[in-house]
Amino acid sequence: MENRTNGAIAVLGGELIVGRALEILLTGAGYDVRLVGESGDAGQALDGAGLLLIAPTLDAGLPGSLAFEIKALAILAKLPVLALVTATAELPPQEDGAHYVPWPCRTAELAREIDAALLRHGA
């Protein structure tokens, strides 16, 4: 299948099984996906990434604070960030530069959100 982006979709956070499921779903949708944190060097894992996807967690407050901290890093300042948040999580304001996507959602919906984020950031 053809790669849909100019860079990999880096998946960060969440439980390992959620990360693996996202990897399989998005690879099947034509994206190059890599899990951040498995190799131990996040900088290397993010090298060449076109988008950072923050996987959902059990901690409802984590995606918003994690997205804010990520956007504060100079190396990631221009990298589009999508955070998947569960229906029980309160969506933080969109002013931190990250975009929040309700989770769970269909693969096609997530692909639309990814493509839209990449278009917004000129990737």
N, C-alpha and C. Protein backbone atom coordinates (compact mmCIF):
# COMPACT_ATOMS: atom_id res chain seq x y z
N MET A 1 0.83 -1.17 0.00
CA MET A 1 0.00 0.00 0.00
C MET A 1 0.89 1.24 0.00
N GLU A 2 0.44 2.28 -0.65
CA GLU A 2 1.19 3.51 -0.80
C GLU A 2 1.17 4.34 0.49
N ASN A 3 2.31 4.95 0.82
CA ASN A 3 2.41 5.81 1.99
C ASN A 3 1.60 7.08 1.75
N ARG A 4 0.74 7.46 2.69
CA ARG A 4 -0.15 8.60 2.54
C ARG A 4 0.47 9.92 2.99
N THR A 5 1.63 9.91 3.66
CA THR A 5 2.21 11.14 4.18
C THR A 5 3.65 11.29 3.73
N ASN A 6 4.17 12.49 3.94
CA ASN A 6 5.58 12.76 3.65
C ASN A 6 6.48 12.32 4.80
N GLY A 7 5.92 11.92 5.90
CA GLY A 7 6.68 11.47 7.05
C GLY A 7 5.86 10.46 7.82
N ALA A 8 6.51 9.85 8.77
CA ALA A 8 5.83 8.83 9.57
C ALA A 8 4.87 9.47 10.55
N ILE A 9 3.89 8.69 10.95
CA ILE A 9 3.01 9.06 12.05
C ILE A 9 3.64 8.46 13.29
N ALA A 10 4.09 9.31 14.20
CA ALA A 10 4.70 8.85 15.45
C ALA A 10 3.60 8.74 16.49
N VAL A 11 3.47 7.58 17.13
CA VAL A 11 2.44 7.34 18.14
C VAL A 11 3.13 7.32 19.50
N LEU A 12 2.66 8.19 20.40
CA LEU A 12 3.27 8.34 21.72
C LEU A 12 2.22 8.14 22.80
N GLY A 13 2.62 7.50 23.89
CA GLY A 13 1.76 7.38 25.05
C GLY A 13 0.78 6.24 24.95
N GLY A 14 -0.11 6.23 25.93
CA GLY A 14 -1.11 5.16 25.95
C GLY A 14 -0.52 3.84 26.38
N GLU A 15 -1.35 2.84 26.43
CA GLU A 15 -0.92 1.50 26.75
C GLU A 15 -0.30 0.86 25.51
N LEU A 16 0.62 -0.05 25.69
CA LEU A 16 1.30 -0.69 24.56
C LEU A 16 0.31 -1.33 23.59
N ILE A 17 -0.71 -1.98 24.11
CA ILE A 17 -1.66 -2.64 23.23
C ILE A 17 -2.45 -1.63 22.40
N VAL A 18 -2.73 -0.45 22.97
CA VAL A 18 -3.42 0.61 22.23
C VAL A 18 -2.50 1.13 21.13
N GLY A 19 -1.24 1.34 21.47
CA GLY A 19 -0.27 1.78 20.47
C GLY A 19 -0.14 0.80 19.33
N ARG A 20 -0.06 -0.48 19.66
CA ARG A 20 0.04 -1.53 18.62
C ARG A 20 -1.22 -1.56 17.76
N ALA A 21 -2.40 -1.41 18.38
CA ALA A 21 -3.65 -1.41 17.61
C ALA A 21 -3.68 -0.21 16.66
N LEU A 22 -3.27 0.96 17.14
CA LEU A 22 -3.21 2.14 16.27
C LEU A 22 -2.21 1.93 15.14
N GLU A 23 -1.09 1.32 15.46
CA GLU A 23 -0.07 1.03 14.44
C GLU A 23 -0.66 0.14 13.34
N ILE A 24 -1.35 -0.89 13.70
CA ILE A 24 -1.95 -1.82 12.73
C ILE A 24 -3.03 -1.12 11.91
N LEU A 25 -3.93 -0.40 12.60
CA LEU A 25 -5.02 0.29 11.89
C LEU A 25 -4.49 1.32 10.90
N LEU A 26 -3.54 2.13 11.34
CA LEU A 26 -3.03 3.20 10.48
C LEU A 26 -2.12 2.68 9.38
N THR A 27 -1.38 1.62 9.65
CA THR A 27 -0.58 1.00 8.59
C THR A 27 -1.49 0.44 7.52
N GLY A 28 -2.59 -0.18 7.94
CA GLY A 28 -3.58 -0.71 7.00
C GLY A 28 -4.24 0.39 6.18
N ALA A 29 -4.28 1.62 6.73
CA ALA A 29 -4.86 2.76 6.02
C ALA A 29 -3.83 3.47 5.14
N GLY A 30 -2.61 2.94 5.10
CA GLY A 30 -1.59 3.49 4.20
C GLY A 30 -0.58 4.43 4.82
N TYR A 31 -0.55 4.53 6.14
CA TYR A 31 0.41 5.41 6.80
C TYR A 31 1.64 4.63 7.24
N ASP A 32 2.77 5.33 7.28
CA ASP A 32 4.00 4.79 7.87
C ASP A 32 3.92 5.16 9.34
N VAL A 33 3.87 4.17 10.23
CA VAL A 33 3.65 4.41 11.65
C VAL A 33 4.82 3.87 12.45
N ARG A 34 5.21 4.64 13.47
CA ARG A 34 6.22 4.15 14.41
C ARG A 34 5.80 4.50 15.82
N LEU A 35 6.04 3.59 16.74
CA LEU A 35 5.71 3.81 18.14
C LEU A 35 6.89 4.51 18.81
N VAL A 36 6.63 5.60 19.50
CA VAL A 36 7.66 6.35 20.21
C VAL A 36 7.78 5.78 21.61
N GLY A 37 8.99 5.59 22.06
CA GLY A 37 9.20 5.11 23.41
C GLY A 37 9.69 3.69 23.46
N GLU A 38 9.47 2.92 22.42
CA GLU A 38 9.95 1.54 22.41
C GLU A 38 11.46 1.48 22.30
N SER A 39 12.03 2.36 21.47
CA SER A 39 13.47 2.33 21.26
C SER A 39 14.22 3.02 22.38
N GLY A 40 13.52 3.82 23.19
CA GLY A 40 14.16 4.53 24.28
C GLY A 40 14.66 5.91 23.90
N ASP A 41 14.81 6.21 22.62
CA ASP A 41 15.27 7.51 22.16
C ASP A 41 14.16 8.19 21.39
N ALA A 42 13.39 9.04 22.08
CA ALA A 42 12.25 9.70 21.44
C ALA A 42 12.70 10.60 20.31
N GLY A 43 13.84 11.28 20.47
CA GLY A 43 14.34 12.15 19.42
C GLY A 43 14.58 11.41 18.13
N GLN A 44 15.19 10.25 18.22
CA GLN A 44 15.45 9.43 17.03
C GLN A 44 14.14 8.91 16.45
N ALA A 45 13.22 8.50 17.31
CA ALA A 45 11.94 7.97 16.84
C ALA A 45 11.12 9.05 16.14
N LEU A 46 11.28 10.31 16.55
CA LEU A 46 10.52 11.41 15.95
C LEU A 46 11.19 11.98 14.71
N ASP A 47 12.45 11.62 14.48
CA ASP A 47 13.16 12.12 13.31
C ASP A 47 12.44 11.68 12.04
N GLY A 48 12.06 12.63 11.22
CA GLY A 48 11.36 12.33 9.98
C GLY A 48 9.87 12.15 10.13
N ALA A 49 9.35 12.35 11.34
CA ALA A 49 7.91 12.21 11.56
C ALA A 49 7.19 13.40 10.94
N GLY A 50 6.03 13.13 10.38
CA GLY A 50 5.20 14.19 9.81
C GLY A 50 4.11 14.63 10.76
N LEU A 51 3.82 13.80 11.79
CA LEU A 51 2.75 14.10 12.73
C LEU A 51 2.96 13.27 13.98
N LEU A 52 2.64 13.85 15.13
CA LEU A 52 2.69 13.13 16.39
C LEU A 52 1.27 12.85 16.84
N LEU A 53 0.96 11.59 17.06
CA LEU A 53 -0.36 11.16 17.53
C LEU A 53 -0.20 10.69 18.97
N ILE A 54 -0.90 11.37 19.88
CA ILE A 54 -0.85 10.99 21.29
C ILE A 54 -1.98 10.01 21.55
N ALA A 55 -1.61 8.79 21.90
CA ALA A 55 -2.59 7.73 22.12
C ALA A 55 -3.39 8.00 23.39
N PRO A 56 -4.62 7.50 23.45
CA PRO A 56 -5.43 7.69 24.65
C PRO A 56 -4.86 6.93 25.84
N THR A 57 -5.10 7.46 27.03
CA THR A 57 -4.62 6.83 28.26
C THR A 57 -5.78 6.70 29.24
N LEU A 58 -5.53 6.02 30.33
CA LEU A 58 -6.53 5.89 31.38
C LEU A 58 -6.65 7.18 32.19
N ASP A 59 -5.60 8.00 32.19
CA ASP A 59 -5.59 9.27 32.91
C ASP A 59 -6.23 10.34 32.03
N ALA A 60 -7.42 10.78 32.36
CA ALA A 60 -8.17 11.73 31.54
C ALA A 60 -7.45 13.05 31.37
N GLY A 61 -6.60 13.45 32.32
CA GLY A 61 -5.93 14.73 32.23
C GLY A 61 -4.65 14.70 31.41
N LEU A 62 -4.15 13.55 31.11
CA LEU A 62 -2.85 13.44 30.47
C LEU A 62 -2.76 13.98 29.06
N PRO A 63 -3.67 13.68 28.13
CA PRO A 63 -3.46 14.14 26.76
C PRO A 63 -3.27 15.64 26.62
N GLY A 64 -4.06 16.43 27.31
CA GLY A 64 -3.93 17.88 27.20
C GLY A 64 -2.61 18.37 27.75
N SER A 65 -2.23 17.91 28.94
CA SER A 65 -0.98 18.38 29.53
C SER A 65 0.21 17.86 28.74
N LEU A 66 0.13 16.64 28.24
CA LEU A 66 1.22 16.08 27.44
C LEU A 66 1.36 16.84 26.13
N ALA A 67 0.25 17.17 25.49
CA ALA A 67 0.31 17.93 24.24
C ALA A 67 0.93 19.30 24.48
N PHE A 68 0.59 19.94 25.59
CA PHE A 68 1.15 21.25 25.91
C PHE A 68 2.65 21.14 26.11
N GLU A 69 3.11 20.14 26.85
CA GLU A 69 4.54 19.95 27.10
C GLU A 69 5.28 19.65 25.81
N ILE A 70 4.68 18.85 24.93
CA ILE A 70 5.32 18.50 23.67
C ILE A 70 5.48 19.73 22.80
N LYS A 71 4.43 20.55 22.70
CA LYS A 71 4.50 21.74 21.86
C LYS A 71 5.51 22.74 22.40
N ALA A 72 5.86 22.65 23.69
CA ALA A 72 6.83 23.55 24.29
C ALA A 72 8.26 23.19 23.87
N LEU A 73 8.48 21.97 23.41
CA LEU A 73 9.81 21.57 22.98
C LEU A 73 10.12 22.19 21.63
N ALA A 74 11.24 22.86 21.53
CA ALA A 74 11.60 23.57 20.29
C ALA A 74 11.67 22.63 19.09
N ILE A 75 12.19 21.43 19.28
CA ILE A 75 12.35 20.50 18.17
C ILE A 75 11.01 20.07 17.58
N LEU A 76 9.95 20.15 18.40
CA LEU A 76 8.64 19.70 17.96
C LEU A 76 7.66 20.85 17.71
N ALA A 77 8.14 22.07 17.80
CA ALA A 77 7.24 23.22 17.72
C ALA A 77 6.42 23.25 16.43
N LYS A 78 6.96 22.76 15.33
CA LYS A 78 6.24 22.82 14.05
C LYS A 78 5.61 21.49 13.67
N LEU A 79 5.75 20.49 14.51
CA LEU A 79 5.19 19.17 14.21
C LEU A 79 3.71 19.17 14.61
N PRO A 80 2.81 18.83 13.66
CA PRO A 80 1.40 18.76 14.05
C PRO A 80 1.17 17.66 15.08
N VAL A 81 0.30 17.95 16.04
CA VAL A 81 0.00 17.01 17.12
C VAL A 81 -1.50 16.75 17.16
N LEU A 82 -1.87 15.48 17.16
CA LEU A 82 -3.25 15.05 17.39
C LEU A 82 -3.25 14.25 18.69
N ALA A 83 -4.16 14.56 19.58
CA ALA A 83 -4.30 13.81 20.82
C ALA A 83 -5.65 13.10 20.81
N LEU A 84 -5.63 11.80 20.99
CA LEU A 84 -6.87 11.03 21.08
C LEU A 84 -7.34 11.07 22.53
N VAL A 85 -8.56 11.51 22.74
CA VAL A 85 -9.09 11.62 24.10
C VAL A 85 -10.38 10.83 24.20
N THR A 86 -10.55 10.17 25.33
CA THR A 86 -11.74 9.36 25.53
C THR A 86 -12.94 10.25 25.78
N ALA A 87 -14.10 9.69 25.61
CA ALA A 87 -15.35 10.44 25.79
C ALA A 87 -15.48 10.96 27.21
N THR A 88 -14.84 10.31 28.17
CA THR A 88 -14.95 10.75 29.57
C THR A 88 -13.97 11.87 29.89
N ALA A 89 -12.98 12.07 29.03
CA ALA A 89 -12.00 13.13 29.28
C ALA A 89 -12.58 14.48 28.88
N GLU A 90 -12.21 15.49 29.63
CA GLU A 90 -12.62 16.85 29.29
C GLU A 90 -11.64 17.38 28.24
N LEU A 91 -12.18 17.87 27.12
CA LEU A 91 -11.31 18.37 26.07
C LEU A 91 -10.70 19.70 26.48
N PRO A 92 -9.35 19.78 26.43
CA PRO A 92 -8.70 21.05 26.75
C PRO A 92 -8.92 22.06 25.64
N PRO A 93 -8.66 23.34 25.88
CA PRO A 93 -8.80 24.32 24.81
C PRO A 93 -7.82 24.04 23.68
N GLN A 94 -8.18 24.38 22.47
CA GLN A 94 -7.36 24.11 21.29
C GLN A 94 -6.20 25.09 21.15
N GLU A 95 -6.01 25.98 22.10
CA GLU A 95 -5.02 27.04 21.96
C GLU A 95 -3.58 26.58 22.11
N ASP A 96 -3.32 25.35 22.54
CA ASP A 96 -1.94 24.91 22.70
C ASP A 96 -1.32 24.39 21.41
N GLY A 97 -2.05 24.46 20.31
CA GLY A 97 -1.50 24.02 19.03
C GLY A 97 -1.82 22.58 18.69
N ALA A 98 -2.28 21.81 19.65
CA ALA A 98 -2.66 20.43 19.39
C ALA A 98 -4.13 20.39 19.01
N HIS A 99 -4.51 19.33 18.32
CA HIS A 99 -5.90 19.13 17.95
C HIS A 99 -6.36 17.86 18.65
N TYR A 100 -7.56 17.90 19.22
CA TYR A 100 -8.06 16.77 20.00
C TYR A 100 -9.13 16.03 19.23
N VAL A 101 -9.00 14.71 19.21
CA VAL A 101 -9.91 13.84 18.48
C VAL A 101 -10.59 12.90 19.48
N PRO A 102 -11.92 12.86 19.50
CA PRO A 102 -12.61 11.93 20.39
C PRO A 102 -12.24 10.48 20.06
N TRP A 103 -12.02 9.69 21.11
CA TRP A 103 -11.65 8.29 20.94
C TRP A 103 -12.57 7.45 21.80
N PRO A 104 -13.08 6.35 21.35
CA PRO A 104 -12.75 5.70 20.07
C PRO A 104 -13.46 6.36 18.90
N CYS A 105 -12.88 6.14 17.73
CA CYS A 105 -13.48 6.61 16.49
C CYS A 105 -13.14 5.61 15.40
N ARG A 106 -13.81 5.72 14.28
CA ARG A 106 -13.55 4.82 13.16
C ARG A 106 -12.21 5.18 12.52
N THR A 107 -11.57 4.19 11.91
CA THR A 107 -10.29 4.40 11.25
C THR A 107 -10.39 5.48 10.18
N ALA A 108 -11.48 5.48 9.41
CA ALA A 108 -11.67 6.48 8.36
C ALA A 108 -11.75 7.88 8.96
N GLU A 109 -12.40 8.02 10.12
CA GLU A 109 -12.49 9.33 10.77
C GLU A 109 -11.12 9.79 11.26
N LEU A 110 -10.35 8.87 11.83
CA LEU A 110 -9.01 9.20 12.30
C LEU A 110 -8.12 9.58 11.12
N ALA A 111 -8.24 8.87 10.01
CA ALA A 111 -7.46 9.19 8.81
C ALA A 111 -7.81 10.59 8.30
N ARG A 112 -9.09 10.96 8.34
CA ARG A 112 -9.49 12.31 7.93
C ARG A 112 -8.87 13.36 8.84
N GLU A 113 -8.86 13.09 10.13
CA GLU A 113 -8.27 14.04 11.10
C GLU A 113 -6.76 14.17 10.87
N ILE A 114 -6.10 13.05 10.61
CA ILE A 114 -4.66 13.08 10.33
C ILE A 114 -4.38 13.88 9.07
N ASP A 115 -5.11 13.58 8.01
CA ASP A 115 -4.91 14.29 6.74
C ASP A 115 -5.18 15.79 6.91
N ALA A 116 -6.23 16.14 7.67
CA ALA A 116 -6.56 17.55 7.90
C ALA A 116 -5.46 18.24 8.69
N ALA A 117 -4.91 17.56 9.70
CA ALA A 117 -3.82 18.14 10.50
C ALA A 117 -2.59 18.37 9.62
N LEU A 118 -2.30 17.42 8.75
CA LEU A 118 -1.15 17.57 7.87
C LEU A 118 -1.36 18.72 6.89
N LEU A 119 -2.58 18.88 6.39
CA LEU A 119 -2.89 20.00 5.49
C LEU A 119 -2.78 21.34 6.22
N ARG A 120 -3.28 21.39 7.46
CA ARG A 120 -3.19 22.64 8.24
C ARG A 120 -1.76 23.07 8.46
N HIS A 121 -0.86 22.09 8.55
CA HIS A 121 0.55 22.39 8.82
C HIS A 121 1.41 22.34 7.58
N GLY A 122 0.78 22.21 6.41
CA GLY A 122 1.51 22.27 5.16
C GLY A 122 2.40 21.08 4.88
N ALA A 123 2.11 19.92 5.51
CA ALA A 123 2.92 18.72 5.27
C ALA A 123 2.43 17.99 4.04
